[in-house]
Amino acid sequence: MPFAPSDMALIVPELFLTAAGLVLLVAATAVSRAQEKQIALWSIASLVVTGFLLAVPASAGAGARSAFGGMFAADGYSLFFKVLILAAGVVTILFSLRFVGDSPYPGGEYYGLLLFATVGMMFMVSGTHLISIYVALELMALSQYVLAGYFKRETKSIEAAAKYFVLGAFSSGVLLYGISLVFGATGSLSLAAVSRSIVLGPKSPLLVLGIILVACGLFFKIASAPFHVWAPDVYEGAPTPISAFFAVGPKLAAYAIFARIFFSGFGHNSSEWTVIIAASSALTMVVGNVGALMQQNVKRMLGYSSIGHAGYALLGLLAYGSKDFGLSSILIYLTAYALMNLGAFGLVVLLETKGYAGESVDDFNGLAKKNPLAAGVMVLFLLSLAGIPPTAGFVGKYLLFSAAMQAGWFWLTLLAVLMSAVSLFYYFRIVRAMYLVEGTGELRWREEPAVTVAILACAALTLFLGVYPQPLIALAKACLLS
């Protein structure tokens, strides 16, 4: 593989965050529990500095830059996702400050694993070679398995980690086998070379099977049916800030590589894979929204909700004929999805006093009288999740549904609209609890300024982008795949 010293300039942010994570792990062994907040603040500072360092590859040359023999790309597309992932990491740590501090579990390793998971995601979204993407994905996944079971004396946490690990290992095997078949059919794992091989060579059944298996491996990472069964259990059992992180960060990275692989690598074979994605999208929307109807646990409900949203986001991948419109709609929708999910999970964090309290819909009873601001903000996030104007979620769904309609998927768009209507029922169950049901006993409320600031920031952006989405739309169009 050809290598130039200038290639190192393109991975300065990832190198810095890796070094920060290693330093943090060493420091965690030398600090007391009372000093762990300093570790958390160091983690936030590391993510913020990494965000500023993203300007280094951006300034290394005009346009997209490739490094390490075409295995890594520093382009506007990857930059868009990296900023979102870093922001999700910062918000997760803000959610964790007191949550982890009040728990009986040490926090140093917790923050280190968050940084390493973020590094894996950053390498993923810049990957332009199937092996580099796979290695980055495993770095992210291994960190996630440990984080899911971080509350090791909680049965639900251990069960979540075990299920996540077993099913994650299986999906990684499926993905790797699919990659090997793609290599056997095309003779390369570079997305550009795979695309050329598809254009110039005859259609191979081996390649089609490889594409199907790669899609199945990625369906697991985004919790798309029928590879979704891990999500509700993991979201319920993991520490709530980690559930918020799982709902946003890894999904952003997975969608980024899903679009890059299928648009840049398999795009000229779209007639074979669009049907598979359409079937998964339809099944995912139905399973996610119908499953959420039966949940009383808010974290499980949000887990099933995220499954439904995975189905909506797949609509953008079906618009390969109008790739720019479909891809930009995915970027806009995922931005809205990140804001509204982080905000909703943040309010669950505030309702928890210890352990796994504050998870039931009944825990929201009477919240409007006891804390009107929190109730109002939660309504905003639920409206956005349901796709009701004037919120960012409405803008994202409108553009996704328009892209699917333009690509000719009318029946799938109609199903998406119907499932969005179904989602109103379970989202407004929480609204009913907050405004129409009298609370009994003392409200379990965790006063935490850092969490409050993060939630209000998510709420402000959710409303702003719903009223004035033009800047986000322009940014998304400027960050499309070349």
Protein backbone atom coordinates (compact mmCIF):
# COMPACT_ATOMS: atom_id res chain seq x y z
CA MET A 1 0.00 0.00 0.00
CA PRO A 2 1.55 3.36 -1.01
CA PHE A 3 2.05 5.68 1.90
CA ALA A 4 3.08 9.33 2.00
CA PRO A 5 4.08 11.23 5.15
CA SER A 6 1.52 13.88 4.24
CA ASP A 7 -1.19 11.27 4.78
CA MET A 8 -0.69 11.64 8.53
CA ALA A 9 -2.02 15.19 8.37
CA LEU A 10 -5.41 13.84 7.35
CA ILE A 11 -5.79 11.72 10.49
CA VAL A 12 -4.56 14.29 13.02
CA PRO A 13 -8.01 14.47 14.73
CA GLU A 14 -8.24 10.69 15.09
CA LEU A 15 -4.64 10.43 16.33
CA PHE A 16 -5.22 13.13 18.93
CA LEU A 17 -8.42 11.53 20.23
CA THR A 18 -6.72 8.12 20.41
CA ALA A 19 -3.85 9.61 22.42
CA ALA A 20 -6.33 11.42 24.67
CA GLY A 21 -8.15 8.17 25.34
CA LEU A 22 -4.92 6.37 26.24
CA VAL A 23 -3.84 9.16 28.58
CA LEU A 24 -7.26 9.13 30.16
CA LEU A 25 -7.12 5.39 30.84
CA VAL A 26 -3.75 5.74 32.54
CA ALA A 27 -4.94 8.76 34.53
CA ALA A 28 -8.03 6.85 35.64
CA THR A 29 -5.86 4.42 37.59
CA ALA A 30 -4.36 7.22 39.66
CA VAL A 31 -7.40 9.32 40.58
CA SER A 32 -9.93 8.81 43.34
CA ARG A 33 -13.69 8.61 42.83
CA ALA A 34 -13.97 12.21 43.99
CA GLN A 35 -11.63 13.30 41.18
CA GLU A 36 -13.37 11.42 38.38
CA LYS A 37 -15.26 14.53 37.33
CA GLN A 38 -11.91 15.90 36.14
CA ILE A 39 -11.58 12.85 33.89
CA ALA A 40 -15.01 13.61 32.43
CA LEU A 41 -14.09 17.24 31.81
CA TRP A 42 -10.84 16.10 30.17
CA SER A 43 -12.91 13.86 27.91
CA ILE A 44 -15.16 16.75 26.88
CA ALA A 45 -12.14 18.95 26.25
CA SER A 46 -10.58 16.21 24.13
CA LEU A 47 -13.69 15.94 21.95
CA VAL A 48 -13.90 19.72 21.55
CA VAL A 49 -10.22 19.97 20.57
CA THR A 50 -10.72 17.10 18.12
CA GLY A 51 -13.53 19.10 16.55
CA PHE A 52 -11.21 22.04 16.03
CA LEU A 53 -8.53 19.74 14.63
CA LEU A 54 -10.93 18.68 11.88
CA ALA A 55 -9.84 21.92 10.24
CA VAL A 56 -6.37 20.38 9.68
CA PRO A 57 -7.42 17.86 7.00
CA ALA A 58 -9.86 20.42 5.60
CA SER A 59 -7.00 22.87 5.08
CA ALA A 60 -4.56 20.26 3.76
CA GLY A 61 -5.86 20.72 0.25
CA ALA A 62 -8.83 21.77 -1.82
CA GLY A 63 -11.73 19.38 -2.08
CA ALA A 64 -11.70 15.74 -1.08
CA ARG A 65 -8.37 14.19 -0.12
CA SER A 66 -7.50 10.51 -0.10
CA ALA A 67 -4.83 8.85 2.02
CA PHE A 68 -3.24 5.50 2.76
CA GLY A 69 -3.64 4.09 -0.72
CA GLY A 70 -7.27 5.13 -1.04
CA MET A 71 -8.39 3.61 2.27
CA PHE A 72 -9.22 6.92 3.98
CA ALA A 73 -11.04 9.98 2.64
CA ALA A 74 -11.10 13.45 4.16
CA ASP A 75 -14.07 15.00 2.40
CA GLY A 76 -17.08 17.12 3.27
CA TYR A 77 -19.25 14.02 3.66
CA SER A 78 -17.07 12.51 6.40
CA LEU A 79 -16.59 15.93 8.03
CA PHE A 80 -20.37 16.35 8.36
CA PHE A 81 -20.72 13.05 10.21
CA LYS A 82 -17.63 13.57 12.35
CA VAL A 83 -18.99 16.84 13.71
CA LEU A 84 -22.31 15.16 14.57
CA ILE A 85 -20.55 12.20 16.22
CA LEU A 86 -18.30 14.45 18.32
CA ALA A 87 -21.32 16.51 19.39
CA ALA A 88 -23.14 13.31 20.41
CA GLY A 89 -20.09 12.29 22.44
CA VAL A 90 -19.98 15.62 24.28
CA VAL A 91 -23.70 15.45 25.09
CA THR A 92 -23.35 11.85 26.31
CA ILE A 93 -20.57 12.82 28.72
CA LEU A 94 -22.64 15.74 30.00
CA PHE A 95 -25.45 13.26 30.66
CA SER A 96 -22.98 11.00 32.45
CA LEU A 97 -21.35 13.49 34.83
CA ARG A 98 -23.62 12.92 37.78
CA PHE A 99 -25.24 9.72 36.55
CA VAL A 100 -21.95 7.82 36.65
CA GLY A 101 -20.61 9.85 39.58
CA ASP A 102 -23.50 8.73 41.79
CA SER A 103 -23.17 5.09 40.76
CA PRO A 104 -20.95 2.55 42.54
CA TYR A 105 -18.94 1.98 39.36
CA PRO A 106 -15.67 3.77 38.51
CA GLY A 107 -15.96 6.32 35.75
CA GLY A 108 -12.44 6.58 34.35
CA GLU A 109 -12.63 3.57 32.05
CA TYR A 110 -16.18 4.55 31.09
CA TYR A 111 -15.03 7.84 29.57
CA GLY A 112 -12.03 6.19 27.93
CA LEU A 113 -14.25 3.65 26.19
CA LEU A 114 -16.50 6.47 24.97
CA LEU A 115 -13.50 8.14 23.36
CA PHE A 116 -12.33 4.92 21.69
CA ALA A 117 -15.83 4.23 20.36
CA THR A 118 -15.82 7.75 18.92
CA VAL A 119 -12.43 7.16 17.28
CA GLY A 120 -13.82 4.02 15.62
CA MET A 121 -16.80 5.97 14.30
CA MET A 122 -14.59 8.72 12.91
CA PHE A 123 -12.45 6.22 11.01
CA MET A 124 -15.61 4.48 9.79
CA VAL A 125 -17.15 7.53 8.16
CA SER A 126 -13.89 8.26 6.32
CA GLY A 127 -13.40 4.69 5.15
CA THR A 128 -13.29 4.12 1.39
CA HIS A 129 -11.98 0.55 1.57
CA LEU A 130 -14.03 -2.33 2.94
CA ILE A 131 -11.23 -3.57 5.21
CA SER A 132 -10.56 -0.16 6.76
CA ILE A 133 -14.30 0.23 7.32
CA TYR A 134 -14.51 -3.19 8.97
CA VAL A 135 -11.56 -2.62 11.31
CA ALA A 136 -12.96 0.77 12.40
CA LEU A 137 -16.38 -0.80 12.91
CA GLU A 138 -14.91 -3.45 15.22
CA LEU A 139 -13.08 -0.81 17.29
CA MET A 140 -16.42 0.93 17.78
CA ALA A 141 -18.30 -2.31 18.49
CA LEU A 142 -15.86 -3.71 21.07
CA SER A 143 -16.06 -0.48 23.05
CA GLN A 144 -19.86 -0.59 22.85
CA TYR A 145 -20.08 -4.14 24.21
CA VAL A 146 -18.22 -3.14 27.36
CA LEU A 147 -20.20 0.09 27.77
CA ALA A 148 -23.51 -1.78 27.50
CA GLY A 149 -22.53 -3.97 30.46
CA TYR A 150 -20.75 -1.27 32.45
CA PHE A 151 -23.15 -1.59 35.39
CA LYS A 152 -21.81 -5.09 35.95
CA ARG A 153 -23.81 -5.82 39.09
CA GLU A 154 -27.09 -5.02 37.36
CA THR A 155 -28.67 -8.10 35.75
CA LYS A 156 -30.23 -6.13 32.91
CA SER A 157 -26.92 -4.52 32.04
CA ILE A 158 -25.11 -7.84 31.86
CA GLU A 159 -27.90 -9.36 29.78
CA ALA A 160 -27.75 -6.39 27.41
CA ALA A 161 -23.99 -6.74 26.96
CA ALA A 162 -24.20 -10.50 26.41
CA LYS A 163 -26.95 -10.23 23.79
CA TYR A 164 -25.20 -7.32 22.07
CA PHE A 165 -21.89 -9.18 21.96
CA VAL A 166 -23.26 -12.48 20.65
CA LEU A 167 -25.47 -10.93 17.98
CA GLY A 168 -22.83 -8.33 17.14
CA ALA A 169 -20.19 -11.00 16.60
CA PHE A 170 -22.60 -12.93 14.37
CA SER A 171 -23.40 -9.84 12.29
CA SER A 172 -19.69 -9.02 11.97
CA GLY A 173 -19.11 -12.53 10.63
CA VAL A 174 -21.89 -12.08 8.08
CA LEU A 175 -20.47 -8.72 7.03
CA LEU A 176 -16.93 -10.11 6.72
CA TYR A 177 -18.14 -13.07 4.65
CA GLY A 178 -19.98 -10.68 2.36
CA ILE A 179 -16.80 -8.61 1.99
CA SER A 180 -14.85 -11.75 1.05
CA LEU A 181 -17.39 -12.59 -1.66
CA VAL A 182 -17.17 -9.06 -3.04
CA PHE A 183 -13.40 -9.45 -3.19
CA GLY A 184 -13.72 -12.79 -4.93
CA ALA A 185 -16.05 -11.33 -7.55
CA THR A 186 -14.22 -8.05 -8.21
CA GLY A 187 -10.62 -8.67 -7.13
CA SER A 188 -10.55 -5.57 -4.94
CA LEU A 189 -11.96 -4.13 -1.72
CA SER A 190 -11.54 -0.47 -2.67
CA LEU A 191 -14.97 1.03 -3.26
CA ALA A 192 -13.76 2.85 -6.38
CA ALA A 193 -12.25 -0.34 -7.82
CA VAL A 194 -15.37 -2.36 -6.97
CA SER A 195 -17.50 0.24 -8.78
CA ARG A 196 -15.27 0.05 -11.88
CA SER A 197 -15.41 -3.73 -11.84
CA ILE A 198 -19.21 -3.67 -11.75
CA VAL A 199 -19.31 -1.29 -14.73
CA LEU A 200 -16.72 -3.10 -16.86
CA GLY A 201 -17.23 -6.73 -15.91
CA PRO A 202 -20.12 -9.16 -16.34
CA LYS A 203 -22.70 -9.48 -13.56
CA SER A 204 -21.67 -12.17 -11.12
CA PRO A 205 -24.04 -14.13 -8.82
CA LEU A 206 -21.17 -14.19 -6.34
CA LEU A 207 -21.13 -10.39 -6.25
CA VAL A 208 -24.90 -10.21 -5.74
CA LEU A 209 -24.65 -12.63 -2.81
CA GLY A 210 -21.78 -10.57 -1.38
CA ILE A 211 -23.83 -7.37 -1.64
CA ILE A 212 -26.76 -9.06 0.13
CA LEU A 213 -24.54 -10.24 3.00
CA VAL A 214 -22.89 -6.82 3.36
CA ALA A 215 -26.36 -5.28 3.54
CA CYS A 216 -27.40 -7.81 6.20
CA GLY A 217 -24.33 -7.00 8.30
CA LEU A 218 -25.09 -3.29 8.09
CA PHE A 219 -28.78 -3.83 8.85
CA PHE A 220 -27.72 -5.10 12.26
CA LYS A 221 -25.65 -1.99 12.96
CA ILE A 222 -28.59 0.32 12.27
CA ALA A 223 -31.08 -2.01 14.06
CA SER A 224 -33.09 -2.62 10.91
CA ALA A 225 -35.51 -5.55 10.77
CA PRO A 226 -35.10 -8.49 10.73
CA PHE A 227 -31.78 -7.80 12.50
CA HIS A 228 -33.27 -5.54 15.18
CA VAL A 229 -33.92 -7.84 18.14
CA TRP A 230 -30.94 -6.62 20.16
CA ALA A 231 -31.92 -2.94 20.26
CA PRO A 232 -34.79 -2.79 22.82
CA ASP A 233 -33.00 -5.05 25.32
CA VAL A 234 -29.70 -3.22 24.98
CA TYR A 235 -31.33 0.20 25.30
CA GLU A 236 -33.20 -0.92 28.41
CA GLY A 237 -30.26 -2.62 30.11
CA ALA A 238 -27.43 -0.20 29.33
CA PRO A 239 -26.82 2.89 31.50
CA THR A 240 -29.21 5.56 30.18
CA PRO A 241 -26.50 7.94 28.86
CA ILE A 242 -25.04 4.99 26.96
CA SER A 243 -28.50 4.14 25.59
CA ALA A 244 -28.65 7.71 24.27
CA PHE A 245 -25.18 7.29 22.76
CA PHE A 246 -26.13 3.96 21.12
CA ALA A 247 -29.28 5.50 19.66
CA VAL A 248 -27.30 8.25 17.94
CA GLY A 249 -23.51 7.87 17.53
CA PRO A 250 -23.16 4.33 16.13
CA LYS A 251 -26.21 4.81 13.93
CA LEU A 252 -24.76 7.97 12.40
CA ALA A 253 -21.55 6.10 11.57
CA ALA A 254 -23.43 3.05 10.26
CA TYR A 255 -25.63 5.12 7.94
CA ALA A 256 -22.57 7.03 6.73
CA ILE A 257 -20.80 3.85 5.60
CA PHE A 258 -24.05 2.29 4.36
CA ALA A 259 -24.55 5.18 1.94
CA ARG A 260 -20.87 5.35 0.98
CA ILE A 261 -20.61 1.61 0.30
CA PHE A 262 -23.84 1.31 -1.67
CA PHE A 263 -23.65 4.60 -3.56
CA SER A 264 -19.90 4.71 -4.26
CA GLY A 265 -19.22 0.97 -4.45
CA PHE A 266 -22.37 -0.90 -5.44
CA GLY A 267 -24.28 1.93 -7.09
CA HIS A 268 -24.14 0.56 -10.63
CA ASN A 269 -25.72 -2.66 -9.34
CA SER A 270 -28.61 -0.81 -7.71
CA SER A 271 -31.28 -2.92 -9.41
CA GLU A 272 -30.23 -5.86 -7.21
CA TRP A 273 -30.00 -4.15 -3.83
CA THR A 274 -32.78 -1.56 -3.84
CA VAL A 275 -35.43 -4.30 -3.53
CA ILE A 276 -33.66 -5.73 -0.46
CA ILE A 277 -33.43 -2.31 1.19
CA ALA A 278 -37.07 -1.55 0.35
CA ALA A 279 -38.22 -4.82 1.96
CA SER A 280 -36.12 -4.15 5.07
CA SER A 281 -37.37 -0.56 5.25
CA ALA A 282 -41.02 -1.65 5.13
CA LEU A 283 -40.54 -4.42 7.71
CA THR A 284 -38.50 -2.13 9.96
CA MET A 285 -41.12 0.63 10.00
CA VAL A 286 -43.88 -1.83 10.87
CA VAL A 287 -41.91 -3.77 13.51
CA GLY A 288 -40.55 -0.62 15.16
CA ASN A 289 -43.80 1.27 15.43
CA VAL A 290 -46.06 -1.67 16.27
CA GLY A 291 -43.53 -2.93 18.83
CA ALA A 292 -43.39 0.50 20.50
CA LEU A 293 -47.18 0.46 20.95
CA MET A 294 -46.86 -2.34 23.52
CA GLN A 295 -44.10 -0.83 25.67
CA GLN A 296 -44.48 0.71 29.12
CA ASN A 297 -40.74 1.14 29.65
CA VAL A 298 -39.71 4.46 28.09
CA LYS A 299 -36.22 3.25 27.14
CA ARG A 300 -37.65 0.19 25.38
CA MET A 301 -40.21 2.40 23.70
CA LEU A 302 -37.47 4.71 22.44
CA GLY A 303 -35.55 1.61 21.35
CA TYR A 304 -38.45 0.42 19.20
CA SER A 305 -38.93 4.00 18.03
CA SER A 306 -35.33 4.08 16.84
CA ILE A 307 -36.00 0.88 14.89
CA GLY A 308 -38.89 2.62 13.15
CA HIS A 309 -36.69 5.61 12.38
CA ALA A 310 -34.09 3.27 10.87
CA GLY A 311 -36.76 2.25 8.38
CA TYR A 312 -37.51 5.87 7.51
CA ALA A 313 -33.83 6.67 6.93
CA LEU A 314 -33.48 3.72 4.55
CA LEU A 315 -35.89 5.54 2.20
CA GLY A 316 -33.08 7.92 1.25
CA LEU A 317 -30.91 5.00 0.10
CA LEU A 318 -33.60 3.95 -2.34
CA ALA A 319 -33.34 7.24 -4.21
CA TYR A 320 -30.17 6.22 -6.05
CA GLY A 321 -31.52 7.61 -9.34
CA SER A 322 -31.56 11.06 -7.72
CA LYS A 323 -28.58 10.35 -5.50
CA ASP A 324 -27.93 13.91 -4.41
CA PHE A 325 -31.51 14.46 -3.24
CA GLY A 326 -31.68 11.10 -1.48
CA LEU A 327 -28.33 11.49 0.24
CA SER A 328 -28.92 15.07 1.35
CA SER A 329 -32.27 14.03 2.82
CA ILE A 330 -30.48 11.35 4.85
CA LEU A 331 -27.97 13.88 6.21
CA ILE A 332 -30.74 16.30 7.20
CA TYR A 333 -32.89 13.59 8.76
CA LEU A 334 -30.03 12.10 10.77
CA THR A 335 -29.19 15.54 12.16
CA ALA A 336 -32.78 15.98 13.33
CA TYR A 337 -32.82 12.39 14.63
CA ALA A 338 -29.69 12.99 16.71
CA LEU A 339 -31.08 16.15 18.31
CA MET A 340 -34.50 14.79 19.24
CA ASN A 341 -33.25 11.42 20.51
CA LEU A 342 -30.50 12.90 22.67
CA GLY A 343 -32.99 15.35 24.13
CA ALA A 344 -35.59 12.68 24.93
CA PHE A 345 -33.03 10.41 26.57
CA GLY A 346 -31.67 13.39 28.51
CA LEU A 347 -35.04 13.89 30.17
CA VAL A 348 -35.08 10.22 31.16
CA VAL A 349 -31.66 10.78 32.76
CA LEU A 350 -33.04 13.71 34.75
CA LEU A 351 -35.90 11.57 36.02
CA GLU A 352 -33.56 8.93 37.36
CA THR A 353 -32.32 9.09 40.91
CA LYS A 354 -30.40 5.84 41.00
CA GLY A 355 -30.22 2.50 39.29
CA TYR A 356 -33.02 2.10 36.78
CA ALA A 357 -35.66 4.45 38.21
CA GLY A 358 -37.46 6.86 35.93
CA GLU A 359 -38.00 4.46 33.04
CA SER A 360 -41.74 3.86 33.16
CA VAL A 361 -44.32 6.04 31.41
CA ASP A 362 -45.92 6.41 34.85
CA ASP A 363 -42.77 8.18 36.07
CA PHE A 364 -43.82 11.11 33.87
CA ASN A 365 -47.22 11.43 35.60
CA GLY A 366 -47.96 15.03 36.55
CA LEU A 367 -44.63 16.36 35.27
CA ALA A 368 -46.35 19.38 33.67
CA LYS A 369 -47.43 20.70 37.08
CA LYS A 370 -44.15 19.93 38.86
CA ASN A 371 -41.79 21.07 36.09
CA PRO A 372 -43.59 22.81 33.19
CA LEU A 373 -40.36 23.55 31.30
CA ALA A 374 -39.27 19.90 31.27
CA ALA A 375 -42.74 18.78 30.16
CA GLY A 376 -42.84 21.36 27.38
CA VAL A 377 -39.41 20.39 26.10
CA MET A 378 -40.36 16.70 26.14
CA VAL A 379 -43.46 17.50 24.07
CA LEU A 380 -41.23 19.27 21.54
CA PHE A 381 -38.97 16.22 21.20
CA LEU A 382 -41.96 13.85 20.89
CA LEU A 383 -43.54 16.06 18.21
CA SER A 384 -40.26 16.03 16.32
CA LEU A 385 -39.97 12.24 16.61
CA ALA A 386 -43.49 11.93 15.23
CA GLY A 387 -42.69 14.35 12.39
CA ILE A 388 -45.06 17.15 13.34
CA PRO A 389 -44.25 20.76 12.27
CA PRO A 390 -42.63 23.08 13.12
CA THR A 391 -39.80 20.75 14.18
CA ALA A 392 -36.64 19.40 12.60
CA GLY A 393 -38.17 15.92 12.52
CA PHE A 394 -40.92 17.16 10.19
CA VAL A 395 -38.37 18.66 7.79
CA GLY A 396 -36.32 15.47 7.78
CA LYS A 397 -39.31 13.21 7.14
CA TYR A 398 -40.72 15.51 4.46
CA LEU A 399 -37.45 15.41 2.51
CA LEU A 400 -37.02 11.64 2.95
CA PHE A 401 -40.57 10.91 1.82
CA SER A 402 -40.15 13.29 -1.12
CA ALA A 403 -36.94 11.51 -2.18
CA ALA A 404 -38.68 8.12 -2.03
CA MET A 405 -41.64 9.45 -4.03
CA GLN A 406 -39.32 10.92 -6.64
CA ALA A 407 -37.61 7.53 -6.94
CA GLY A 408 -40.97 5.85 -7.56
CA TRP A 409 -41.47 4.10 -4.21
CA PHE A 410 -45.05 5.29 -3.73
CA TRP A 411 -46.31 2.31 -1.72
CA LEU A 412 -43.36 2.52 0.64
CA THR A 413 -43.91 6.25 1.17
CA LEU A 414 -47.57 5.62 1.95
CA LEU A 415 -46.55 2.97 4.50
CA ALA A 416 -44.09 5.43 6.07
CA VAL A 417 -46.85 8.04 6.43
CA LEU A 418 -49.18 5.48 8.03
CA MET A 419 -46.49 4.33 10.47
CA SER A 420 -45.77 7.95 11.40
CA ALA A 421 -49.45 8.28 12.29
CA VAL A 422 -49.21 5.13 14.42
CA SER A 423 -46.24 6.59 16.27
CA LEU A 424 -48.40 9.46 17.51
CA PHE A 425 -50.24 7.04 19.77
CA TYR A 426 -47.26 5.88 21.81
CA TYR A 427 -45.49 9.24 21.83
CA PHE A 428 -48.61 11.00 23.10
CA ARG A 429 -49.01 8.41 25.82
CA ILE A 430 -46.14 10.22 27.51
CA VAL A 431 -47.79 13.60 26.81
CA ARG A 432 -50.98 12.30 28.41
CA ALA A 433 -49.05 11.15 31.48
CA MET A 434 -47.39 14.55 31.86
CA TYR A 435 -50.49 16.72 31.39
CA LEU A 436 -53.60 14.65 32.14
CA VAL A 437 -52.57 12.25 34.92
CA GLU A 438 -52.00 13.31 38.50
CA GLY A 439 -48.64 12.32 39.86
CA THR A 440 -48.51 10.33 43.08
CA GLY A 441 -45.67 10.77 45.55
CA GLU A 442 -42.58 12.88 45.16
CA LEU A 443 -41.22 13.45 41.67
CA ARG A 444 -37.88 11.75 41.19
CA TRP A 445 -35.96 14.60 39.61
CA ARG A 446 -32.22 14.94 39.30
CA GLU A 447 -31.10 18.58 39.29
CA GLU A 448 -28.10 18.63 37.00
CA PRO A 449 -27.15 21.88 35.22
CA ALA A 450 -24.96 20.16 32.62
CA VAL A 451 -27.79 17.87 31.51
CA THR A 452 -30.26 20.75 31.50
CA VAL A 453 -28.00 22.84 29.26
CA ALA A 454 -27.53 19.93 26.82
CA ILE A 455 -31.29 19.27 26.67
CA LEU A 456 -32.14 22.94 26.11
CA ALA A 457 -29.51 23.17 23.35
CA CYS A 458 -31.04 20.13 21.60
CA ALA A 459 -34.51 21.64 22.00
CA ALA A 460 -33.46 25.02 20.62
CA LEU A 461 -31.82 23.44 17.56
CA THR A 462 -34.79 21.11 17.00
CA LEU A 463 -37.14 24.09 16.90
CA PHE A 464 -34.79 26.37 14.95
CA LEU A 465 -34.15 23.81 12.20
CA GLY A 466 -37.87 23.14 11.98
CA VAL A 467 -38.65 26.81 11.43
CA TYR A 468 -35.57 27.74 9.38
CA PRO A 469 -33.99 24.61 7.82
CA GLN A 470 -32.29 26.37 4.91
CA PRO A 471 -28.79 26.50 6.49
CA LEU A 472 -28.86 22.76 7.22
CA ILE A 473 -30.19 21.98 3.75
CA ALA A 474 -27.42 24.05 2.15
CA LEU A 475 -24.78 22.40 4.35
CA ALA A 476 -26.06 18.92 3.51
CA LYS A 477 -25.93 19.66 -0.22
CA ALA A 478 -22.36 20.89 0.16
CA CYS A 479 -21.30 17.69 1.95
CA LEU A 480 -22.49 15.06 -0.52
CA LEU A 481 -20.35 12.20 -1.74
CA SER A 482 -18.18 13.19 -4.70
